[in-house]
Amino acid sequence: MSSLPESNPEEAALLRKARWGDHDAFARLYRAHAKAIHALAYRLTGNAAAAEDITQDTFLKMLGFLSGLRTDAPLRPWLKRVAANAAIDRLRREQRFVAETDDDAWPDDGASPAENLELLGMLRRLPPLARTVVWLHEMEGWSHPELAERFGRSPSWSKSIVSRALARLRDDLETGVKDD
């Protein structure tokens, strides 16, 4: 049994057409996934301009890898992994972490804008590195060994970051800390 979710037949057809040079097919793939990729990049970097750059770079990388992408697997997990890696590289390269507000950077599924605002506010209280590690572990499903490898640290480093950040968020919830 495969561990991959089933692919969307329409997405697979668009991917095949994009390989053959169909610009409309690529544009439709972009429209289907760009908002989610931008939202992830923003959550990881806390910077709207950086998120836009990462989104563009992710789709440029997809364009370069069209021939190697599988049509029997969903595209979004691959795009999210590319975007997350780009965000990590950017954060490591800049060695500074800046938070800005961007009302267009809502999580891609589910919650209402008010709930999203509360979530983003809570995450903004975390230092950017902690926010990135927590998001990748808790929301994107990265394992501690994967995080450790990507950040050049040990799995215990990742576990410690997540544990302390979640404890801080729990404490903030219990004490009713408000956004600055």
Protein backbone atom coordinates (compact mmCIF):
# COMPACT_ATOMS: atom_id res chain seq x y z
CA MET A 1 0.00 0.00 0.00
CA SER A 2 1.36 3.41 -0.98
CA SER A 3 1.88 6.05 1.69
CA LEU A 4 1.21 8.82 -0.83
CA PRO A 5 -2.28 10.31 -1.11
CA GLU A 6 -3.97 9.64 -4.42
CA SER A 7 -3.23 12.10 -7.17
CA ASN A 8 -5.91 14.28 -8.66
CA PRO A 9 -6.48 13.10 -12.27
CA GLU A 10 -7.11 16.69 -13.42
CA GLU A 11 -3.85 17.83 -11.82
CA ALA A 12 -1.99 14.91 -13.44
CA ALA A 13 -3.38 15.90 -16.84
CA LEU A 14 -2.35 19.53 -16.30
CA LEU A 15 1.13 18.42 -15.29
CA ARG A 16 1.47 16.34 -18.47
CA LYS A 17 0.27 19.28 -20.60
CA ALA A 18 2.68 21.65 -18.84
CA ARG A 19 5.53 19.25 -19.69
CA TRP A 20 4.56 19.57 -23.34
CA GLY A 21 4.83 23.37 -23.11
CA ASP A 22 1.20 24.27 -22.45
CA HIS A 23 1.49 27.64 -20.69
CA ASP A 24 -2.19 27.66 -19.70
CA ALA A 25 -1.77 24.31 -17.93
CA PHE A 26 1.20 25.66 -15.95
CA ALA A 27 -0.78 28.81 -15.09
CA ARG A 28 -3.67 26.69 -13.82
CA LEU A 29 -1.29 24.67 -11.63
CA TYR A 30 0.14 27.93 -10.32
CA ARG A 31 -3.31 29.29 -9.49
CA ALA A 32 -4.26 26.05 -7.76
CA HIS A 33 -1.24 26.07 -5.42
CA ALA A 34 0.30 29.56 -5.20
CA LYS A 35 -1.84 30.81 -2.31
CA ALA A 36 -0.96 27.81 -0.13
CA ILE A 37 2.74 28.07 -0.98
CA HIS A 38 2.77 31.82 -0.27
CA ALA A 39 0.97 31.29 3.04
CA LEU A 40 3.51 28.67 4.11
CA ALA A 41 6.47 30.83 3.07
CA TYR A 42 5.01 33.80 4.95
CA ARG A 43 4.39 31.74 8.09
CA LEU A 44 7.97 30.52 8.01
CA THR A 45 9.71 33.82 7.24
CA GLY A 46 7.31 36.38 8.71
CA ASN A 47 8.09 38.60 5.73
CA ALA A 48 5.64 39.27 2.87
CA ALA A 49 8.33 40.15 0.31
CA ALA A 50 10.37 37.06 1.18
CA ALA A 51 7.24 34.92 0.89
CA GLU A 52 6.55 36.30 -2.58
CA ASP A 53 10.15 35.60 -3.66
CA ILE A 54 9.99 32.06 -2.27
CA THR A 55 6.67 31.43 -4.02
CA GLN A 56 8.10 32.57 -7.35
CA ASP A 57 11.30 30.55 -6.84
CA THR A 58 9.26 27.46 -5.95
CA PHE A 59 7.29 27.62 -9.18
CA LEU A 60 10.41 28.36 -11.22
CA LYS A 61 11.97 25.25 -9.70
CA MET A 62 8.80 23.32 -10.57
CA LEU A 63 9.12 24.54 -14.15
CA GLY A 64 12.70 23.26 -14.25
CA PHE A 65 11.69 19.87 -12.81
CA LEU A 66 8.52 19.29 -14.85
CA SER A 67 9.95 16.25 -16.60
CA GLY A 68 10.88 14.62 -13.30
CA LEU A 69 7.66 15.25 -11.36
CA ARG A 70 5.42 12.25 -10.84
CA THR A 71 1.87 12.46 -12.17
CA ASP A 72 0.72 9.69 -9.79
CA ALA A 73 1.49 11.76 -6.67
CA PRO A 74 -0.04 15.07 -5.54
CA LEU A 75 1.99 18.14 -6.43
CA ARG A 76 1.34 20.28 -3.33
CA PRO A 77 3.49 18.28 -0.86
CA TRP A 78 6.45 18.58 -3.25
CA LEU A 79 5.85 22.32 -3.66
CA LYS A 80 5.57 22.79 0.12
CA ARG A 81 8.85 20.94 0.69
CA VAL A 82 10.62 23.11 -1.91
CA ALA A 83 9.17 26.30 -0.38
CA ALA A 84 10.05 25.25 3.18
CA ASN A 85 13.62 24.46 2.15
CA ALA A 86 13.88 27.82 0.40
CA ALA A 87 12.56 29.59 3.52
CA ILE A 88 15.04 27.77 5.75
CA ASP A 89 17.90 28.63 3.40
CA ARG A 90 16.85 32.28 3.39
CA LEU A 91 16.56 32.46 7.19
CA ARG A 92 19.94 30.82 7.63
CA ARG A 93 21.54 33.08 5.01
CA GLU A 94 20.12 36.28 6.48
CA GLN A 95 20.66 35.25 10.10
CA ARG A 96 18.04 37.73 11.07
CA PHE A 97 14.36 37.28 11.50
CA VAL A 98 11.84 40.01 10.72
CA ALA A 99 8.10 39.84 11.32
CA GLU A 100 5.64 41.88 9.29
CA THR A 101 1.91 41.76 8.91
CA ASP A 102 0.28 40.54 5.73
CA ASP A 103 -3.48 40.15 5.83
CA ASP A 104 -3.40 38.09 2.62
CA ALA A 105 -1.27 35.33 4.14
CA TRP A 106 -4.00 33.18 5.66
CA PRO A 107 -3.51 29.47 6.20
CA ASP A 108 -4.76 27.64 3.14
CA ASP A 109 -7.62 25.59 4.64
CA GLY A 110 -10.33 25.60 7.21
CA ALA A 111 -10.35 28.34 9.83
CA SER A 112 -12.13 31.66 9.56
CA PRO A 113 -10.16 34.90 9.12
CA ALA A 114 -10.70 35.75 12.81
CA GLU A 115 -9.29 32.38 13.90
CA ASN A 116 -6.41 32.79 11.46
CA LEU A 117 -5.63 36.23 12.87
CA GLU A 118 -5.47 34.74 16.36
CA LEU A 119 -3.23 31.90 15.14
CA LEU A 120 -0.88 34.28 13.33
CA GLY A 121 -0.79 36.55 16.39
CA MET A 122 0.18 33.66 18.64
CA LEU A 123 2.87 32.48 16.25
CA ARG A 124 4.21 36.03 15.87
CA ARG A 125 5.00 36.05 19.59
CA LEU A 126 7.49 33.25 19.03
CA PRO A 127 11.01 34.03 17.85
CA PRO A 128 11.17 33.42 14.08
CA LEU A 129 13.39 30.34 14.32
CA ALA A 130 11.05 28.74 16.88
CA ARG A 131 8.02 29.70 14.77
CA THR A 132 9.58 28.03 11.72
CA VAL A 133 10.54 24.83 13.54
CA VAL A 134 7.16 24.56 15.29
CA TRP A 135 5.21 25.14 12.09
CA LEU A 136 7.21 22.61 10.11
CA HIS A 137 6.93 19.99 12.85
CA GLU A 138 3.36 20.49 14.01
CA MET A 139 1.61 21.61 10.83
CA GLU A 140 3.70 20.27 7.96
CA GLY A 141 4.61 16.98 9.61
CA TRP A 142 8.40 17.20 9.47
CA SER A 143 10.09 14.78 11.85
CA HIS A 144 12.75 15.86 14.34
CA PRO A 145 15.47 14.02 12.36
CA GLU A 146 14.36 15.84 9.18
CA LEU A 147 14.44 19.21 10.94
CA ALA A 148 17.81 18.43 12.51
CA GLU A 149 19.30 17.47 9.16
CA ARG A 150 17.90 20.52 7.37
CA PHE A 151 19.09 22.96 10.05
CA GLY A 152 22.43 21.20 10.57
CA ARG A 153 21.63 20.41 14.21
CA SER A 154 20.72 17.37 16.32
CA PRO A 155 17.22 15.91 16.73
CA SER A 156 17.36 16.89 20.42
CA TRP A 157 17.84 20.53 19.31
CA SER A 158 14.60 20.34 17.32
CA LYS A 159 12.74 18.61 20.16
CA SER A 160 13.92 21.26 22.58
CA ILE A 161 12.86 24.16 20.32
CA VAL A 162 9.39 22.65 19.78
CA SER A 163 8.91 21.77 23.44
CA ARG A 164 9.87 25.23 24.72
CA ALA A 165 7.82 27.04 22.05
CA LEU A 166 4.69 24.98 22.72
CA ALA A 167 5.11 25.48 26.47
CA ARG A 168 5.35 29.22 25.87
CA LEU A 169 2.22 29.20 23.71
CA ARG A 170 0.32 27.16 26.34
CA ASP A 171 1.44 29.60 29.03
CA ASP A 172 0.34 32.55 26.88
CA LEU A 173 -3.08 30.93 26.39
CA GLU A 174 -3.49 30.24 30.11
CA THR A 175 -2.43 33.73 31.19
CA GLY A 176 -4.30 35.51 28.40
CA VAL A 177 -1.30 37.37 26.95
CA LYS A 178 -2.41 39.81 24.25
CA ASP A 179 -0.60 40.72 21.02
CA ASP A 180 1.67 43.74 21.19
